[in-house]
Amino acid sequence: TRLAGESEASLGSLLGDLRPEDIAAVMRELSDREVETAFHLLDAENPDLASEVLPLLDRNDISRVVDALPDERVADVLEDIPSDDAAYILEIMPEERVEDVVAAMEGEESQEVRERLEYPEASAGRLMSGEFIALPRRATVAEAIARVQQAAEDVTIVYVYLVDEAGRLSGVVSLRRLLQVKPDRILADLSPAGLHRGAPRGP
């Protein structure tokens, strides 16, 4: 997929009609310069959707996109996404920008991200959200959905975390992904290999 021949207006509208995971998949096929252009157009057309797309991009693409955004816009994006995703994006950024971006965030979101950044990189504390469900890797999608349905009404579940026999974090599956596949699928088959956050997390 290339941007050649697409007007900016038509491209922005086209991306806005896709799911976040599909947009991320399209962007993975673009050149570095095209990724910046595509995200800029999406952000101008639908900033809420752009916020959902950013953490789904490859690590290098996240870095390139964020480098082109002002601190205030990065802060706005981080306020709109789960704190584990926000911490991941901040750890990709140059250290000299991190404090300014976090300072530009408002209220509870800023404090939650600060607390998460105190955990070692790639640790369970860094990767898990404050409200989460952990299941064995061999559990099924049906079992995971049942556990989500049992959660308290005031708890927002975004991800289901997978643990191995020793109880160590070994994978993650988004709730959106659970709703897209058959109920007999095994959770381990839906999670990227390992915990390398640069791997695609969508379908």
C-alpha atoms as a PDB file:
ATOM      1  CA  THR A   1       0.000   0.000   0.000  1.00  0.00           C
ATOM      2  CA  ARG A   2       1.381   3.407  -0.936  1.00  0.00           C
ATOM      3  CA  LEU A   3       0.090   6.937  -0.578  1.00  0.00           C
ATOM      4  CA  ALA A   4       0.890   7.886  -4.157  1.00  0.00           C
ATOM      5  CA  GLY A   5      -2.207   9.031  -6.002  1.00  0.00           C
ATOM      6  CA  GLU A   6      -4.233   9.583  -2.837  1.00  0.00           C
ATOM      7  CA  SER A   7      -5.229  13.129  -2.007  1.00  0.00           C
ATOM      8  CA  GLU A   8      -4.822  14.150   1.613  1.00  0.00           C
ATOM      9  CA  ALA A   9      -8.558  14.594   2.057  1.00  0.00           C
ATOM     10  CA  SER A  10      -9.448  11.202   0.586  1.00  0.00           C
ATOM     11  CA  LEU A  11      -6.727   9.422   2.541  1.00  0.00           C
ATOM     12  CA  GLY A  12      -7.868  10.950   5.819  1.00  0.00           C
ATOM     13  CA  SER A  13     -11.439   9.849   5.149  1.00  0.00           C
ATOM     14  CA  LEU A  14     -10.339   6.384   4.059  1.00  0.00           C
ATOM     15  CA  LEU A  15      -8.348   5.766   7.235  1.00  0.00           C
ATOM     16  CA  GLY A  16     -11.199   7.098   9.339  1.00  0.00           C
ATOM     17  CA  ASP A  17     -13.467   4.340   7.989  1.00  0.00           C
ATOM     18  CA  LEU A  18     -11.161   1.539   9.205  1.00  0.00           C
ATOM     19  CA  ARG A  19     -10.753  -0.116  12.607  1.00  0.00           C
ATOM     20  CA  PRO A  20      -7.667   0.886  14.640  1.00  0.00           C
ATOM     21  CA  GLU A  21      -6.072  -2.548  14.117  1.00  0.00           C
ATOM     22  CA  ASP A  22      -6.617  -2.331  10.351  1.00  0.00           C
ATOM     23  CA  ILE A  23      -5.125   1.158  10.194  1.00  0.00           C
ATOM     24  CA  ALA A  24      -2.061  -0.049  12.101  1.00  0.00           C
ATOM     25  CA  ALA A  25      -1.724  -2.962   9.665  1.00  0.00           C
ATOM     26  CA  VAL A  26      -1.875  -0.563   6.707  1.00  0.00           C
ATOM     27  CA  MET A  27       0.750   1.695   8.251  1.00  0.00           C
ATOM     28  CA  ARG A  28       3.122  -1.223   8.748  1.00  0.00           C
ATOM     29  CA  GLU A  29       3.307  -1.463   4.949  1.00  0.00           C
ATOM     30  CA  LEU A  30       4.242   2.197   4.499  1.00  0.00           C
ATOM     31  CA  SER A  31       7.631   3.846   4.337  1.00  0.00           C
ATOM     32  CA  ASP A  32       8.843   5.900   7.302  1.00  0.00           C
ATOM     33  CA  ARG A  33       7.856   9.179   5.677  1.00  0.00           C
ATOM     34  CA  GLU A  34       4.458   7.838   4.652  1.00  0.00           C
ATOM     35  CA  VAL A  35       3.725   6.671   8.197  1.00  0.00           C
ATOM     36  CA  GLU A  36       4.253  10.222   9.465  1.00  0.00           C
ATOM     37  CA  THR A  37       2.014  11.630   6.730  1.00  0.00           C
ATOM     38  CA  ALA A  38      -0.735   9.051   7.244  1.00  0.00           C
ATOM     39  CA  PHE A  39      -0.826   9.554  11.005  1.00  0.00           C
ATOM     40  CA  HIS A  40      -0.862  13.347  10.611  1.00  0.00           C
ATOM     41  CA  LEU A  41      -3.861  13.109   8.277  1.00  0.00           C
ATOM     42  CA  LEU A  42      -5.667  10.691  10.577  1.00  0.00           C
ATOM     43  CA  ASP A  43      -4.969  12.890  13.588  1.00  0.00           C
ATOM     44  CA  ALA A  44      -6.404  15.899  11.775  1.00  0.00           C
ATOM     45  CA  GLU A  45      -9.483  13.977  10.625  1.00  0.00           C
ATOM     46  CA  ASN A  46     -10.205  11.914  13.748  1.00  0.00           C
ATOM     47  CA  PRO A  47      -7.925  12.574  16.754  1.00  0.00           C
ATOM     48  CA  ASP A  48      -9.717  10.043  18.988  1.00  0.00           C
ATOM     49  CA  LEU A  49      -9.113   7.291  16.449  1.00  0.00           C
ATOM     50  CA  ALA A  50      -5.502   8.401  16.053  1.00  0.00           C
ATOM     51  CA  SER A  51      -5.042   7.968  19.805  1.00  0.00           C
ATOM     52  CA  GLU A  52      -6.253   4.364  19.540  1.00  0.00           C
ATOM     53  CA  VAL A  53      -3.977   3.633  16.604  1.00  0.00           C
ATOM     54  CA  LEU A  54      -0.718   4.987  18.022  1.00  0.00           C
ATOM     55  CA  PRO A  55       0.024   2.213  20.581  1.00  0.00           C
ATOM     56  CA  LEU A  56      -0.765  -0.440  17.942  1.00  0.00           C
ATOM     57  CA  LEU A  57       2.052   0.705  15.651  1.00  0.00           C
ATOM     58  CA  ASP A  58       5.496  -0.845  15.528  1.00  0.00           C
ATOM     59  CA  ARG A  59       8.017   0.582  17.985  1.00  0.00           C
ATOM     60  CA  ASN A  60      10.002   2.465  15.318  1.00  0.00           C
ATOM     61  CA  ASP A  61       6.821   3.946  13.837  1.00  0.00           C
ATOM     62  CA  ILE A  62       5.636   5.100  17.260  1.00  0.00           C
ATOM     63  CA  SER A  63       8.970   6.825  17.787  1.00  0.00           C
ATOM     64  CA  ARG A  64       8.829   8.517  14.398  1.00  0.00           C
ATOM     65  CA  VAL A  65       5.222   9.689  14.845  1.00  0.00           C
ATOM     66  CA  VAL A  66       5.730  10.965  18.386  1.00  0.00           C
ATOM     67  CA  ASP A  67       8.897  12.830  17.401  1.00  0.00           C
ATOM     68  CA  ALA A  68       6.774  14.850  14.973  1.00  0.00           C
ATOM     69  CA  LEU A  69       4.092  15.741  17.551  1.00  0.00           C
ATOM     70  CA  PRO A  70       4.303  18.603  20.081  1.00  0.00           C
ATOM     71  CA  ASP A  71       4.439  17.690  23.776  1.00  0.00           C
ATOM     72  CA  GLU A  72       0.888  18.895  24.383  1.00  0.00           C
ATOM     73  CA  ARG A  73      -0.571  16.640  21.676  1.00  0.00           C
ATOM     74  CA  VAL A  74       1.389  13.635  22.937  1.00  0.00           C
ATOM     75  CA  ALA A  75       0.036  14.351  26.421  1.00  0.00           C
ATOM     76  CA  ASP A  76      -3.520  14.475  25.045  1.00  0.00           C
ATOM     77  CA  VAL A  77      -3.034  11.086  23.372  1.00  0.00           C
ATOM     78  CA  LEU A  78      -1.600   9.509  26.519  1.00  0.00           C
ATOM     79  CA  GLU A  79      -4.571  10.739  28.551  1.00  0.00           C
ATOM     80  CA  ASP A  80      -6.918   8.904  26.172  1.00  0.00           C
ATOM     81  CA  ILE A  81      -5.268   5.466  26.272  1.00  0.00           C
ATOM     82  CA  PRO A  82      -4.662   2.854  29.017  1.00  0.00           C
ATOM     83  CA  SER A  83      -1.800   3.738  31.342  1.00  0.00           C
ATOM     84  CA  ASP A  84       0.247   0.679  30.327  1.00  0.00           C
ATOM     85  CA  ASP A  85       0.168   1.834  26.699  1.00  0.00           C
ATOM     86  CA  ALA A  86       1.017   5.365  27.800  1.00  0.00           C
ATOM     87  CA  ALA A  87       4.020   4.117  29.791  1.00  0.00           C
ATOM     88  CA  TYR A  88       5.182   2.069  26.809  1.00  0.00           C
ATOM     89  CA  ILE A  89       5.078   5.084  24.507  1.00  0.00           C
ATOM     90  CA  LEU A  90       6.908   7.236  27.054  1.00  0.00           C
ATOM     91  CA  GLU A  91       9.703   4.690  27.413  1.00  0.00           C
ATOM     92  CA  ILE A  92      10.258   4.903  23.633  1.00  0.00           C
ATOM     93  CA  MET A  93      10.606   8.694  23.764  1.00  0.00           C
ATOM     94  CA  PRO A  94      13.874  10.547  24.447  1.00  0.00           C
ATOM     95  CA  GLU A  95      14.341  10.992  28.195  1.00  0.00           C
ATOM     96  CA  GLU A  96      14.535  14.768  27.876  1.00  0.00           C
ATOM     97  CA  ARG A  97      10.939  14.881  26.557  1.00  0.00           C
ATOM     98  CA  VAL A  98       9.317  12.474  28.994  1.00  0.00           C
ATOM     99  CA  GLU A  99       9.061  14.817  31.978  1.00  0.00           C
ATOM    100  CA  ASP A 100       7.622  17.642  29.863  1.00  0.00           C
ATOM    101  CA  VAL A 101       4.995  15.331  28.352  1.00  0.00           C
ATOM    102  CA  VAL A 102       3.986  13.853  31.710  1.00  0.00           C
ATOM    103  CA  ALA A 103       3.840  17.361  33.201  1.00  0.00           C
ATOM    104  CA  ALA A 104       1.439  18.352  30.405  1.00  0.00           C
ATOM    105  CA  MET A 105      -0.903  15.488  31.288  1.00  0.00           C
ATOM    106  CA  GLU A 106      -3.771  16.289  33.618  1.00  0.00           C
ATOM    107  CA  GLY A 107      -4.994  14.850  36.908  1.00  0.00           C
ATOM    108  CA  GLU A 108      -5.138  11.169  37.722  1.00  0.00           C
ATOM    109  CA  GLU A 109      -3.767  10.048  34.357  1.00  0.00           C
ATOM    110  CA  SER A 110      -0.459  11.785  35.046  1.00  0.00           C
ATOM    111  CA  GLN A 111      -0.093  10.226  38.500  1.00  0.00           C
ATOM    112  CA  GLU A 112      -0.974   6.736  37.296  1.00  0.00           C
ATOM    113  CA  VAL A 113       1.578   6.922  34.492  1.00  0.00           C
ATOM    114  CA  ARG A 114       4.255   8.234  36.873  1.00  0.00           C
ATOM    115  CA  GLU A 115       3.629   5.301  39.210  1.00  0.00           C
ATOM    116  CA  ARG A 116       3.807   2.821  36.337  1.00  0.00           C
ATOM    117  CA  LEU A 117       7.120   4.236  35.105  1.00  0.00           C
ATOM    118  CA  GLU A 118       8.646   3.429  38.495  1.00  0.00           C
ATOM    119  CA  TYR A 119       8.443  -0.288  37.650  1.00  0.00           C
ATOM    120  CA  PRO A 120      11.337  -1.853  35.679  1.00  0.00           C
ATOM    121  CA  GLU A 121      10.849  -1.948  31.912  1.00  0.00           C
ATOM    122  CA  ALA A 122       9.019  -5.109  30.681  1.00  0.00           C
ATOM    123  CA  SER A 123       8.053  -6.044  34.252  1.00  0.00           C
ATOM    124  CA  ALA A 124       4.536  -7.215  35.087  1.00  0.00           C
ATOM    125  CA  GLY A 125       3.966  -4.000  37.028  1.00  0.00           C
ATOM    126  CA  ARG A 126       4.887  -1.891  34.011  1.00  0.00           C
ATOM    127  CA  LEU A 127       2.811  -3.867  31.526  1.00  0.00           C
ATOM    128  CA  MET A 128      -0.329  -4.671  33.492  1.00  0.00           C
ATOM    129  CA  SER A 129      -3.108  -2.169  33.954  1.00  0.00           C
ATOM    130  CA  GLY A 130      -4.395  -1.524  37.473  1.00  0.00           C
ATOM    131  CA  GLU A 131      -7.608  -3.399  36.760  1.00  0.00           C
ATOM    132  CA  PHE A 132      -6.910  -6.677  35.003  1.00  0.00           C
ATOM    133  CA  ILE A 133      -7.835 -10.328  34.580  1.00  0.00           C
ATOM    134  CA  ALA A 134      -5.109 -12.977  34.522  1.00  0.00           C
ATOM    135  CA  LEU A 135      -5.777 -16.429  33.030  1.00  0.00           C
ATOM    136  CA  PRO A 136      -3.678 -19.505  32.139  1.00  0.00           C
ATOM    137  CA  ARG A 137      -2.253 -19.499  28.619  1.00  0.00           C
ATOM    138  CA  ARG A 138      -4.352 -22.557  27.695  1.00  0.00           C
ATOM    139  CA  ALA A 139      -7.653 -20.958  28.715  1.00  0.00           C
ATOM    140  CA  THR A 140     -10.190 -20.409  25.949  1.00  0.00           C
ATOM    141  CA  VAL A 141     -11.735 -17.224  24.626  1.00  0.00           C
ATOM    142  CA  ALA A 142     -15.086 -18.325  26.079  1.00  0.00           C
ATOM    143  CA  GLU A 143     -13.526 -18.630  29.533  1.00  0.00           C
ATOM    144  CA  ALA A 144     -11.913 -15.218  29.228  1.00  0.00           C
ATOM    145  CA  ILE A 145     -15.161 -13.535  28.172  1.00  0.00           C
ATOM    146  CA  ALA A 146     -16.971 -15.199  31.077  1.00  0.00           C
ATOM    147  CA  ARG A 147     -14.399 -13.763  33.486  1.00  0.00           C
ATOM    148  CA  VAL A 148     -14.783 -10.296  31.955  1.00  0.00           C
ATOM    149  CA  GLN A 149     -18.551 -10.521  32.368  1.00  0.00           C
ATOM    150  CA  GLN A 150     -18.084 -11.383  36.032  1.00  0.00           C
ATOM    151  CA  ALA A 151     -16.041  -8.233  36.675  1.00  0.00           C
ATOM    152  CA  ALA A 152     -17.603  -5.460  38.740  1.00  0.00           C
ATOM    153  CA  GLU A 153     -19.644  -2.937  36.782  1.00  0.00           C
ATOM    154  CA  ASP A 154     -17.309  -0.084  37.736  1.00  0.00           C
ATOM    155  CA  VAL A 155     -14.207  -1.930  36.505  1.00  0.00           C
ATOM    156  CA  THR A 156     -13.094  -1.356  32.919  1.00  0.00           C
ATOM    157  CA  ILE A 157     -11.289  -4.355  31.453  1.00  0.00           C
ATOM    158  CA  VAL A 158      -9.174  -3.557  28.390  1.00  0.00           C
ATOM    159  CA  TYR A 159      -6.783  -6.513  28.337  1.00  0.00           C
ATOM    160  CA  VAL A 160      -6.698 -10.118  29.548  1.00  0.00           C
ATOM    161  CA  TYR A 161      -3.223 -11.107  30.743  1.00  0.00           C
ATOM    162  CA  LEU A 162      -1.808 -14.604  30.336  1.00  0.00           C
ATOM    163  CA  VAL A 163       0.305 -16.308  32.978  1.00  0.00           C
ATOM    164  CA  ASP A 164       2.422 -19.476  32.823  1.00  0.00           C
ATOM    165  CA  GLU A 165       2.477 -22.361  35.298  1.00  0.00           C
ATOM    166  CA  ALA A 166       4.659 -20.338  37.677  1.00  0.00           C
ATOM    167  CA  GLY A 167       2.257 -17.387  37.611  1.00  0.00           C
ATOM    168  CA  ARG A 168       4.605 -15.226  35.524  1.00  0.00           C
ATOM    169  CA  LEU A 169       3.217 -12.807  32.963  1.00  0.00           C
ATOM    170  CA  SER A 170       3.668 -14.352  29.511  1.00  0.00           C
ATOM    171  CA  GLY A 171       1.263 -12.615  27.166  1.00  0.00           C
ATOM    172  CA  VAL A 172      -1.655 -10.241  26.669  1.00  0.00           C
ATOM    173  CA  VAL A 173      -4.848 -10.234  24.584  1.00  0.00           C
ATOM    174  CA  SER A 174      -7.095  -7.227  24.105  1.00  0.00           C
ATOM    175  CA  LEU A 175     -10.804  -7.436  24.822  1.00  0.00           C
ATOM    176  CA  ARG A 176     -11.450  -6.233  21.282  1.00  0.00           C
ATOM    177  CA  ARG A 177      -9.501  -9.223  19.949  1.00  0.00           C
ATOM    178  CA  LEU A 178     -11.486 -11.647  22.142  1.00  0.00           C
ATOM    179  CA  LEU A 179     -14.729 -10.438  20.606  1.00  0.00           C
ATOM    180  CA  GLN A 180     -13.444 -11.000  17.067  1.00  0.00           C
ATOM    181  CA  VAL A 181     -12.588 -14.702  17.236  1.00  0.00           C
ATOM    182  CA  LYS A 182     -14.335 -18.015  17.894  1.00  0.00           C
ATOM    183  CA  PRO A 183     -14.991 -18.888  21.562  1.00  0.00           C
ATOM    184  CA  ASP A 184     -12.994 -22.146  21.419  1.00  0.00           C
ATOM    185  CA  ARG A 185      -9.726 -20.425  20.445  1.00  0.00           C
ATOM    186  CA  ILE A 186      -6.843 -20.762  22.917  1.00  0.00           C
ATOM    187  CA  LEU A 187      -5.624 -17.477  24.410  1.00  0.00           C
ATOM    188  CA  ALA A 188      -1.951 -18.326  23.884  1.00  0.00           C
ATOM    189  CA  ASP A 189      -2.594 -18.489  20.127  1.00  0.00           C
ATOM    190  CA  LEU A 190      -3.907 -14.912  20.130  1.00  0.00           C
ATOM    191  CA  SER A 191      -1.036 -13.304  22.009  1.00  0.00           C
ATOM    192  CA  PRO A 192       2.137 -12.061  20.272  1.00  0.00           C
ATOM    193  CA  ALA A 193       5.152 -14.257  20.904  1.00  0.00           C
ATOM    194  CA  GLY A 194       6.784 -13.171  24.135  1.00  0.00           C
ATOM    195  CA  LEU A 195       6.240  -9.735  25.620  1.00  0.00           C
ATOM    196  CA  HIS A 196       8.074  -7.675  23.001  1.00  0.00           C
ATOM    197  CA  ARG A 197       5.796  -4.696  22.636  1.00  0.00           C
ATOM    198  CA  GLY A 198       6.972  -3.949  19.129  1.00  0.00           C
ATOM    199  CA  ALA A 199       5.006  -6.937  17.857  1.00  0.00           C
ATOM    200  CA  PRO A 200       1.578  -6.256  16.325  1.00  0.00           C
ATOM    201  CA  ARG A 201      -1.217  -6.630  18.860  1.00  0.00           C
ATOM    202  CA  GLY A 202      -4.145  -6.545  16.496  1.00  0.00           C
ATOM    203  CA  PRO A 203      -5.611  -9.296  14.291  1.00  0.00           C
END
